[in-house]
Amino acid sequence: MKKLFVYLLGAAFLSGFAVPAVAQLTIEITEGVDQALPIAVVPFEWQGGLVRPPLDVSAIIAADLANSGRFDPMDTRDMLERPVDEQGIDFEDWRLLGLETILVGRLLPQSGGNYVIQFELFDLFNQQKLLGFRLSSTSTGLRAAAHRISDLIYEKLTGIKGAFATRIAFITVQGQGPAKRYRLVIADADGSNHNIILESPEPLMSPAWSPDGDRIAYVSFESNKSAIYIQELSTGERIRVSAREGVNGAPAFSPDGRKLALTLSRDPGNLDIYVLNLANQVLTRITRNPAIDTDATWSTDGSKIFFTSDRSGGPQIYRADVDGGNKRRVTYEGSYNGRSRLTPNGEEMAVVHNDQGAFRIARVNPDNGNLLVLTGGQLDESPSFAPNGETIIYATRVNGRGVLATVSIDGRVQRRIAAQEGDVREPAWSPYPDF
């Protein structure tokens, strides 16, 4: 029972708190780069008469860029003119305002309530067009289209693929006592457009995305014991893939989506890592140790599994081949390193690290163990990388409430994604969508 308690504590640091569920998430930049790039995102012209689109596409783009911490969009109230194409841009005037780039565009109505978005991005100093595209969108797809445009701009100006059009999954809790409700929620990467995937009176935890972004695995206690489910997001259909005696926890999809790494207690009271073949339910045991082994994650090529173990006296990260061989310790700095997650290229790892008594998110080189603390909270937990590997989302506590936060891989850009009300935890960042 002691090991079961320790596992549940490690899998969900914040699970003991019950407050109203999230209704909306809002972003606050807490730290940005010293010299954010000044940019003008001119409101896009609407060419469809009095009935305007349901969303302001250019405002969403400006918010995306500002929320990245790397851009400083000009306030639209300070714009003396609002060009919609190259012919309307007075390059010298915009340069005198201290701007370096400008985005202009327009929305045109199409049949069936659809739209075409035209936009162009210009370098004001060289008077050169950097981007120019036409995107078609439905009325309900305007927000996603705006995020895609933000991704194109971000990549063009930074050389790094954007992640605004991706999604995040997280857990919330509502109510007290018998009225308590747990929710698995999916939202856009900026916290908007949230969708409740599952609601239960029993705990939900450990959401994990499939590599194609079409499914989510999670742990549910809806039958008064832990079980692992996989749910199709497009249909809502779900299947129970593990309900073995004891603990069923911490699922993680293999890179090909055909297997799950998970934590089981098939030896009574002992937690070990297993790999489950989803096609035939065959289990492969990865660890066999009296220590607590949990929170597995896969290497990019699927040949290795990283996991947390206290076999050395305290939680540290270990690595094993997918057949269970060649186990070795990865982290050595500090008394506690757990909940490892790798960047998509496998070159860096995020962990929860005990930093002088505070639990913070740190970056670790899995080859040599070099560690860099990135956050400054007291109880930072559940790191997950954006699919471009540049940002980590994690759970933390602010004024007694659970909120989400992000930090860039270098620690320079930090933001907080808070709910207007409620407690949020256990975030997982999706892979890139297949447009």
Protein backbone atom coordinates (compact mmCIF):
# COMPACT_ATOMS: atom_id res chain seq x y z
CA MET A 1 0.00 0.00 0.00
CA LYS A 2 2.87 2.37 0.71
CA LYS A 3 4.23 1.94 -2.82
CA LEU A 4 0.78 2.46 -4.30
CA PHE A 5 0.45 5.72 -2.37
CA VAL A 6 3.88 6.89 -3.48
CA TYR A 7 3.02 6.10 -7.10
CA LEU A 8 -0.23 8.04 -7.00
CA LEU A 9 1.53 10.97 -5.40
CA GLY A 10 4.19 10.97 -8.10
CA ALA A 11 1.69 10.57 -10.93
CA ALA A 12 -0.52 13.43 -9.78
CA PHE A 13 1.15 15.86 -7.35
CA LEU A 14 -1.93 18.05 -7.29
CA SER A 15 -4.68 15.43 -7.12
CA GLY A 16 -5.64 16.24 -3.56
CA PHE A 17 -7.18 19.61 -4.42
CA ALA A 18 -10.81 20.05 -5.49
CA VAL A 19 -12.06 23.35 -6.85
CA PRO A 20 -14.39 24.44 -9.66
CA ALA A 21 -13.48 23.27 -13.14
CA VAL A 22 -11.84 25.49 -15.71
CA ALA A 23 -14.18 27.58 -17.82
CA GLN A 24 -11.58 29.49 -19.81
CA LEU A 25 -7.80 29.76 -19.86
CA THR A 26 -5.95 33.06 -20.21
CA ILE A 27 -2.26 33.69 -20.86
CA GLU A 28 0.00 36.01 -18.91
CA ILE A 29 3.59 36.59 -20.04
CA THR A 30 5.80 36.47 -16.95
CA GLU A 31 9.15 36.68 -18.76
CA GLY A 32 10.05 37.38 -22.40
CA VAL A 33 13.22 37.87 -24.39
CA ASP A 34 15.07 41.12 -23.72
CA GLN A 35 14.48 42.46 -27.22
CA ALA A 36 11.23 41.10 -28.60
CA LEU A 37 10.86 41.71 -32.32
CA PRO A 38 8.57 44.69 -33.04
CA ILE A 39 5.90 43.81 -35.60
CA ALA A 40 2.74 45.42 -36.94
CA VAL A 41 -0.22 43.09 -37.41
CA VAL A 42 -2.62 45.35 -39.28
CA PRO A 43 -6.32 44.44 -38.85
CA PHE A 44 -7.37 42.44 -41.88
CA GLU A 45 -9.88 44.14 -44.13
CA TRP A 46 -13.30 42.49 -44.41
CA GLN A 47 -14.77 42.62 -47.90
CA GLY A 48 -18.10 40.99 -47.24
CA GLY A 49 -20.50 43.71 -46.15
CA LEU A 50 -22.20 44.23 -42.79
CA VAL A 51 -22.21 40.62 -41.56
CA ARG A 52 -18.69 40.22 -40.28
CA PRO A 53 -16.81 36.96 -39.58
CA PRO A 54 -17.32 35.51 -36.08
CA LEU A 55 -13.63 35.92 -35.18
CA ASP A 56 -10.98 38.61 -35.68
CA VAL A 57 -8.27 36.59 -37.42
CA SER A 58 -5.58 39.28 -37.23
CA ALA A 59 -6.20 39.75 -33.48
CA ILE A 60 -5.65 36.02 -32.89
CA ILE A 61 -2.40 36.17 -34.88
CA ALA A 62 -1.18 39.19 -32.89
CA ALA A 63 -2.04 37.44 -29.62
CA ASP A 64 -0.20 34.27 -30.70
CA LEU A 65 2.93 36.21 -31.54
CA ALA A 66 2.77 38.24 -28.32
CA ASN A 67 2.15 35.13 -26.21
CA SER A 68 5.31 33.54 -27.62
CA GLY A 69 7.29 36.19 -25.76
CA ARG A 70 9.49 36.69 -28.82
CA PHE A 71 7.40 39.35 -30.58
CA ASP A 72 6.04 42.77 -29.61
CA PRO A 73 3.00 43.52 -31.80
CA MET A 74 2.11 47.19 -32.16
CA ASP A 75 -1.13 48.31 -30.52
CA THR A 76 -3.69 48.80 -33.29
CA ARG A 77 -4.75 52.09 -31.67
CA ASP A 78 -1.31 53.50 -32.50
CA MET A 79 -1.59 52.70 -36.22
CA LEU A 80 -2.02 55.85 -38.30
CA GLU A 81 -2.99 53.86 -41.38
CA ARG A 82 -4.22 50.33 -42.08
CA PRO A 83 -2.94 49.03 -45.41
CA VAL A 84 -4.25 45.75 -46.80
CA ASP A 85 -1.57 45.07 -49.43
CA GLU A 86 1.90 46.15 -50.55
CA GLN A 87 0.63 49.16 -52.50
CA GLY A 88 -0.80 50.70 -49.35
CA ILE A 89 2.36 50.37 -47.22
CA ASP A 90 4.51 53.46 -46.68
CA PHE A 91 7.66 51.56 -45.71
CA GLU A 92 9.55 54.60 -44.42
CA ASP A 93 6.72 55.72 -42.14
CA TRP A 94 6.43 52.28 -40.54
CA ARG A 95 10.22 52.08 -40.09
CA LEU A 96 10.21 55.43 -38.28
CA LEU A 97 7.83 53.90 -35.76
CA GLY A 98 10.56 51.40 -34.85
CA LEU A 99 8.97 48.43 -36.58
CA GLU A 100 10.83 45.75 -38.52
CA THR A 101 8.04 43.69 -40.10
CA ILE A 102 4.42 44.23 -41.04
CA LEU A 103 1.57 41.81 -41.73
CA VAL A 104 -1.35 42.90 -43.91
CA GLY A 105 -4.31 41.02 -45.31
CA ARG A 106 -7.99 40.71 -46.03
CA LEU A 107 -10.89 38.28 -45.65
CA LEU A 108 -13.19 37.53 -48.56
CA PRO A 109 -16.55 35.75 -48.32
CA GLN A 110 -17.13 32.50 -50.19
CA SER A 111 -20.24 30.46 -50.85
CA GLY A 112 -21.65 28.35 -48.06
CA GLY A 113 -20.48 30.75 -45.34
CA ASN A 114 -16.82 30.01 -46.00
CA TYR A 115 -13.90 32.43 -46.27
CA VAL A 116 -10.63 33.07 -48.05
CA ILE A 117 -7.85 34.69 -46.01
CA GLN A 118 -5.19 36.58 -47.98
CA PHE A 119 -2.11 37.79 -46.13
CA GLU A 120 1.38 39.13 -46.82
CA LEU A 121 4.35 39.63 -44.52
CA PHE A 122 6.95 42.28 -45.37
CA ASP A 123 10.45 43.18 -44.20
CA LEU A 124 10.17 46.95 -43.73
CA PHE A 125 13.92 47.67 -44.01
CA ASN A 126 14.47 45.77 -47.23
CA GLN A 127 10.95 46.42 -48.57
CA GLN A 128 10.79 42.72 -49.34
CA LYS A 129 7.88 40.31 -49.20
CA LEU A 130 8.68 37.44 -46.84
CA LEU A 131 5.39 35.53 -47.07
CA GLY A 132 2.23 35.63 -49.14
CA PHE A 133 -0.56 33.05 -48.96
CA ARG A 134 -4.27 32.41 -49.53
CA LEU A 135 -6.02 30.08 -47.11
CA SER A 136 -9.56 28.78 -47.33
CA SER A 137 -11.52 28.33 -44.12
CA THR A 138 -14.96 27.44 -42.84
CA SER A 139 -16.61 29.65 -40.28
CA THR A 140 -15.75 27.24 -37.47
CA GLY A 141 -12.18 26.83 -38.76
CA LEU A 142 -11.16 30.50 -38.59
CA ARG A 143 -9.35 30.15 -35.28
CA ALA A 144 -7.35 27.17 -36.54
CA ALA A 145 -6.54 29.08 -39.74
CA ALA A 146 -5.28 32.03 -37.69
CA HIS A 147 -3.02 29.72 -35.67
CA ARG A 148 -1.64 28.23 -38.90
CA ILE A 149 -0.81 31.73 -40.17
CA SER A 150 0.93 32.44 -36.85
CA ASP A 151 2.98 29.27 -37.33
CA LEU A 152 4.06 30.38 -40.81
CA ILE A 153 5.10 33.81 -39.55
CA TYR A 154 6.92 32.39 -36.53
CA GLU A 155 8.90 29.95 -38.64
CA LYS A 156 9.78 32.57 -41.24
CA LEU A 157 11.06 35.08 -38.68
CA THR A 158 12.74 32.71 -36.20
CA GLY A 159 13.70 29.69 -38.31
CA ILE A 160 11.81 27.49 -35.82
CA LYS A 161 8.60 25.67 -36.69
CA GLY A 162 5.64 27.19 -34.85
CA ALA A 163 3.29 25.28 -32.56
CA PHE A 164 0.29 27.62 -32.30
CA ALA A 165 -1.95 25.23 -34.27
CA THR A 166 -1.36 22.38 -31.83
CA ARG A 167 -3.44 21.41 -28.79
CA ILE A 168 -3.00 20.63 -25.12
CA ALA A 169 -4.77 18.10 -22.94
CA PHE A 170 -5.13 18.54 -19.18
CA ILE A 171 -7.16 17.48 -16.14
CA THR A 172 -9.49 19.65 -14.04
CA VAL A 173 -11.58 18.99 -10.94
CA GLN A 174 -15.00 20.38 -9.95
CA GLY A 175 -16.86 20.27 -6.66
CA GLN A 176 -16.29 18.84 -3.22
CA GLY A 177 -16.92 15.45 -1.64
CA PRO A 178 -19.59 13.35 -3.40
CA ALA A 179 -20.17 16.16 -5.92
CA LYS A 180 -16.56 16.09 -7.12
CA ARG A 181 -16.14 15.78 -10.90
CA TYR A 182 -12.94 15.14 -12.83
CA ARG A 183 -12.65 16.28 -16.44
CA LEU A 184 -10.28 15.51 -19.27
CA VAL A 185 -10.11 18.66 -21.39
CA ILE A 186 -8.51 19.50 -24.74
CA ALA A 187 -7.83 23.09 -25.79
CA ASP A 188 -5.85 25.01 -28.38
CA ALA A 189 -2.25 25.68 -27.41
CA ASP A 190 -3.24 29.22 -26.37
CA GLY A 191 -5.83 27.87 -23.92
CA SER A 192 -8.87 28.77 -26.04
CA ASN A 193 -11.50 26.56 -27.65
CA HIS A 194 -11.63 24.03 -24.81
CA ASN A 195 -13.56 20.79 -25.21
CA ILE A 196 -14.46 18.34 -22.43
CA ILE A 197 -13.53 14.84 -23.59
CA LEU A 198 -14.61 12.93 -20.51
CA GLU A 199 -16.18 13.69 -17.13
CA SER A 200 -16.15 11.29 -14.19
CA PRO A 201 -16.90 11.31 -10.45
CA GLU A 202 -13.68 9.31 -9.97
CA PRO A 203 -10.10 10.48 -10.60
CA LEU A 204 -8.75 10.89 -14.12
CA MET A 205 -5.02 11.29 -14.69
CA SER A 206 -1.99 10.91 -16.96
CA PRO A 207 -3.32 11.94 -20.41
CA ALA A 208 -0.98 10.91 -23.24
CA TRP A 209 -1.32 11.66 -26.97
CA SER A 210 -0.91 9.11 -29.71
CA PRO A 211 1.77 10.09 -32.26
CA ASP A 212 -0.88 10.89 -34.89
CA GLY A 213 -2.83 13.10 -32.46
CA ASP A 214 -6.06 11.18 -33.07
CA ARG A 215 -6.21 9.32 -29.74
CA ILE A 216 -5.57 9.95 -26.07
CA ALA A 217 -4.66 7.36 -23.45
CA TYR A 218 -5.45 8.09 -19.81
CA VAL A 219 -5.98 6.51 -16.41
CA SER A 220 -9.49 6.36 -14.96
CA PHE A 221 -10.68 5.18 -11.55
CA GLU A 222 -14.35 5.09 -12.63
CA SER A 223 -14.72 1.46 -11.49
CA ASN A 224 -13.11 2.27 -8.13
CA LYS A 225 -9.80 0.88 -9.35
CA SER A 226 -7.28 2.12 -11.86
CA ALA A 227 -7.66 1.23 -15.54
CA ILE A 228 -6.13 2.58 -18.74
CA TYR A 229 -8.37 3.67 -21.62
CA ILE A 230 -7.69 4.88 -25.15
CA GLN A 231 -10.20 7.29 -26.64
CA GLU A 232 -10.70 8.28 -30.28
CA LEU A 233 -11.08 12.05 -30.37
CA SER A 234 -13.09 12.22 -33.59
CA THR A 235 -15.79 9.78 -32.47
CA GLY A 236 -15.52 9.69 -28.67
CA GLU A 237 -15.25 5.89 -28.84
CA ARG A 238 -12.99 4.43 -26.18
CA ILE A 239 -11.64 1.05 -25.22
CA ARG A 240 -10.20 -0.24 -21.97
CA VAL A 241 -6.75 -1.64 -22.68
CA SER A 242 -5.53 -2.49 -19.18
CA ALA A 243 -7.49 -3.23 -16.02
CA ARG A 244 -5.14 -5.70 -14.37
CA GLU A 245 -5.06 -6.29 -10.63
CA GLY A 246 -3.36 -3.51 -8.72
CA VAL A 247 -1.98 -0.37 -10.32
CA ASN A 248 -2.54 0.42 -14.01
CA GLY A 249 -0.86 3.75 -14.65
CA ALA A 250 1.28 6.23 -16.57
CA PRO A 251 0.54 5.22 -20.20
CA ALA A 252 2.86 6.39 -22.99
CA PHE A 253 2.41 5.61 -26.69
CA SER A 254 5.32 4.20 -28.66
CA PRO A 255 6.47 6.32 -31.64
CA ASP A 256 4.56 4.06 -34.05
CA GLY A 257 1.40 4.17 -31.92
CA ARG A 258 1.15 0.36 -31.71
CA LYS A 259 2.28 -0.10 -28.12
CA LEU A 260 1.91 1.48 -24.70
CA ALA A 261 4.54 1.68 -22.01
CA LEU A 262 2.77 1.56 -18.66
CA THR A 263 3.26 0.97 -14.96
CA LEU A 264 1.77 -2.18 -13.44
CA SER A 265 1.94 -3.88 -10.04
CA ARG A 266 1.60 -7.49 -11.20
CA ASP A 267 3.92 -8.54 -8.38
CA PRO A 268 1.77 -7.57 -5.37
CA GLY A 269 2.84 -4.18 -4.04
CA ASN A 270 5.67 -3.73 -6.54
CA LEU A 271 5.61 -1.25 -9.44
CA ASP A 272 7.42 -2.06 -12.68
CA ILE A 273 7.49 -0.91 -16.30
CA TYR A 274 5.81 -3.01 -18.98
CA VAL A 275 5.16 -2.62 -22.70
CA LEU A 276 1.70 -3.57 -23.95
CA ASN A 277 1.14 -4.57 -27.58
CA LEU A 278 -2.24 -3.01 -28.36
CA ALA A 279 -3.05 -5.46 -31.16
CA ASN A 280 -2.76 -8.67 -29.14
CA GLN A 281 -2.51 -7.56 -25.46
CA VAL A 282 0.91 -9.22 -25.09
CA LEU A 283 2.93 -7.73 -22.22
CA THR A 284 6.70 -7.38 -22.18
CA ARG A 285 8.24 -6.72 -18.78
CA ILE A 286 10.95 -4.06 -18.88
CA THR A 287 11.96 -3.80 -15.20
CA ARG A 288 12.07 -6.39 -12.42
CA ASN A 289 13.21 -4.64 -9.28
CA PRO A 290 11.88 -4.20 -5.71
CA ALA A 291 12.15 -0.42 -6.23
CA ILE A 292 9.34 1.80 -7.53
CA ASP A 293 9.67 2.03 -11.34
CA THR A 294 7.16 4.30 -13.06
CA ASP A 295 6.52 7.14 -15.57
CA ALA A 296 7.98 5.59 -18.71
CA THR A 297 8.64 7.55 -21.88
CA TRP A 298 10.01 6.41 -25.24
CA SER A 299 13.09 7.42 -27.16
CA THR A 300 12.38 9.00 -30.54
CA ASP A 301 13.25 5.83 -32.48
CA GLY A 302 11.34 3.55 -30.10
CA SER A 303 14.42 1.51 -29.20
CA LYS A 304 14.73 2.68 -25.58
CA ILE A 305 12.51 3.52 -22.63
CA PHE A 306 13.30 6.10 -19.96
CA PHE A 307 11.66 5.75 -16.55
CA THR A 308 11.75 7.00 -12.95
CA SER A 309 13.09 4.66 -10.28
CA ASP A 310 14.10 4.99 -6.63
CA ARG A 311 16.42 1.96 -6.81
CA SER A 312 19.39 4.19 -5.89
CA GLY A 313 17.65 5.51 -2.76
CA GLY A 314 15.71 8.40 -4.33
CA PRO A 315 13.87 9.04 -7.60
CA GLN A 316 16.22 9.26 -10.61
CA ILE A 317 15.89 8.71 -14.35
CA TYR A 318 17.05 5.43 -15.85
CA ARG A 319 17.17 4.11 -19.39
CA ALA A 320 16.61 0.59 -20.75
CA ASP A 321 16.45 -1.06 -24.14
CA VAL A 322 12.92 -1.87 -25.25
CA ASP A 323 13.56 -5.56 -24.49
CA GLY A 324 14.53 -4.66 -20.92
CA GLY A 325 18.29 -4.94 -21.34
CA ASN A 326 21.16 -2.48 -20.84
CA LYS A 327 19.67 -0.50 -17.96
CA ARG A 328 21.67 2.50 -16.84
CA ARG A 329 21.18 5.59 -14.75
CA VAL A 330 20.81 8.91 -16.61
CA THR A 331 20.51 11.62 -13.92
CA TYR A 332 22.91 12.17 -11.03
CA GLU A 333 22.56 15.82 -10.02
CA GLY A 334 20.32 16.31 -6.98
CA SER A 335 18.31 13.99 -4.76
CA TYR A 336 15.18 13.87 -6.95
CA ASN A 337 14.69 13.71 -10.71
CA GLY A 338 11.44 12.29 -12.08
CA ARG A 339 8.72 12.38 -14.75
CA SER A 340 11.10 12.57 -17.72
CA ARG A 341 9.89 13.67 -21.15
CA LEU A 342 12.08 13.87 -24.26
CA THR A 343 12.15 16.45 -27.02
CA PRO A 344 10.89 15.17 -30.38
CA ASN A 345 14.49 14.87 -31.62
CA GLY A 346 15.54 13.07 -28.43
CA GLU A 347 18.45 15.41 -27.73
CA GLU A 348 17.08 16.95 -24.51
CA MET A 349 14.92 15.80 -21.63
CA ALA A 350 12.66 17.66 -19.20
CA VAL A 351 12.40 16.39 -15.63
CA VAL A 352 10.94 17.39 -12.28
CA HIS A 353 14.01 18.26 -10.20
CA ASN A 354 14.38 18.92 -6.48
CA ASP A 355 16.18 22.26 -6.39
CA GLN A 356 17.04 23.10 -2.77
CA GLY A 357 13.72 21.78 -1.51
CA ALA A 358 11.57 23.14 -4.36
CA PHE A 359 10.29 20.97 -7.20
CA ARG A 360 11.15 22.68 -10.48
CA ILE A 361 11.37 21.85 -14.16
CA ALA A 362 14.89 21.21 -15.41
CA ARG A 363 16.44 20.37 -18.75
CA VAL A 364 18.78 17.39 -18.89
CA ASN A 365 21.10 16.08 -21.57
CA PRO A 366 20.30 12.35 -21.60
CA ASP A 367 23.76 11.47 -22.87
CA ASN A 368 25.90 13.17 -20.25
CA GLY A 369 23.41 14.10 -17.49
CA ASN A 370 24.12 17.85 -17.61
CA LEU A 371 21.20 19.65 -15.94
CA LEU A 372 19.82 23.21 -16.13
CA VAL A 373 16.96 24.40 -13.90
CA LEU A 374 14.43 26.37 -15.98
CA THR A 375 11.61 27.34 -13.59
CA GLY A 376 11.36 28.98 -10.18
CA GLY A 377 8.19 27.57 -8.62
CA GLN A 378 7.82 25.57 -5.46
CA LEU A 379 5.76 22.72 -6.90
CA ASP A 380 6.28 22.50 -10.68
CA GLU A 381 5.17 19.17 -12.14
CA SER A 382 4.23 17.18 -15.26
CA PRO A 383 6.46 18.63 -18.01
CA SER A 384 5.54 18.07 -21.66
CA PHE A 385 7.35 19.35 -24.76
CA ALA A 386 5.76 21.24 -27.63
CA PRO A 387 6.22 19.30 -30.88
CA ASN A 388 8.92 21.74 -32.02
CA GLY A 389 10.93 21.01 -28.86
CA GLU A 390 11.27 24.73 -28.05
CA THR A 391 8.77 25.04 -25.19
CA ILE A 392 7.77 22.98 -22.16
CA ILE A 393 4.29 23.10 -20.65
CA TYR A 394 3.94 22.07 -17.00
CA ALA A 395 1.65 22.33 -13.98
CA THR A 396 2.39 24.58 -11.04
CA ARG A 397 0.63 26.28 -8.15
CA VAL A 398 -0.03 30.01 -7.78
CA ASN A 399 -1.82 31.40 -4.73
CA GLY A 400 -2.96 27.93 -3.78
CA ARG A 401 -4.41 27.09 -7.20
CA GLY A 402 -3.21 24.74 -9.88
CA VAL A 403 -2.40 26.49 -13.16
CA LEU A 404 -0.48 25.63 -16.29
CA ALA A 405 2.68 27.41 -17.33
CA THR A 406 5.23 27.24 -20.12
CA VAL A 407 8.95 27.89 -20.31
CA SER A 408 11.21 28.02 -23.33
CA ILE A 409 14.00 25.49 -23.63
CA ASP A 410 16.53 28.19 -22.69
CA GLY A 411 14.43 29.48 -19.78
CA ARG A 412 14.17 33.01 -21.20
CA VAL A 413 10.47 33.03 -22.13
CA GLN A 414 7.93 32.11 -19.46
CA ARG A 415 4.15 32.44 -19.43
CA ARG A 416 1.29 31.36 -17.21
CA ILE A 417 -1.95 29.85 -18.53
CA ALA A 418 -4.48 30.38 -15.75
CA ALA A 419 -8.13 29.47 -15.49
CA GLN A 420 -10.59 32.18 -14.52
CA GLU A 421 -11.70 29.72 -11.87
CA GLY A 422 -10.59 26.24 -10.97
CA ASP A 423 -7.61 23.99 -10.65
CA VAL A 424 -5.70 22.64 -13.66
CA ARG A 425 -2.98 20.01 -13.82
CA GLU A 426 -1.22 17.23 -15.79
CA PRO A 427 -0.83 18.92 -19.20
CA ALA A 428 0.21 17.00 -22.31
CA TRP A 429 1.14 18.79 -25.55
CA SER A 430 -0.14 17.26 -28.79
CA PRO A 431 1.95 16.36 -31.84
CA TYR A 432 1.57 18.45 -35.00
CA PRO A 433 -1.82 18.09 -36.68
CA ASP A 434 -2.07 16.42 -40.05
CA PHE A 435 -3.58 19.22 -42.15
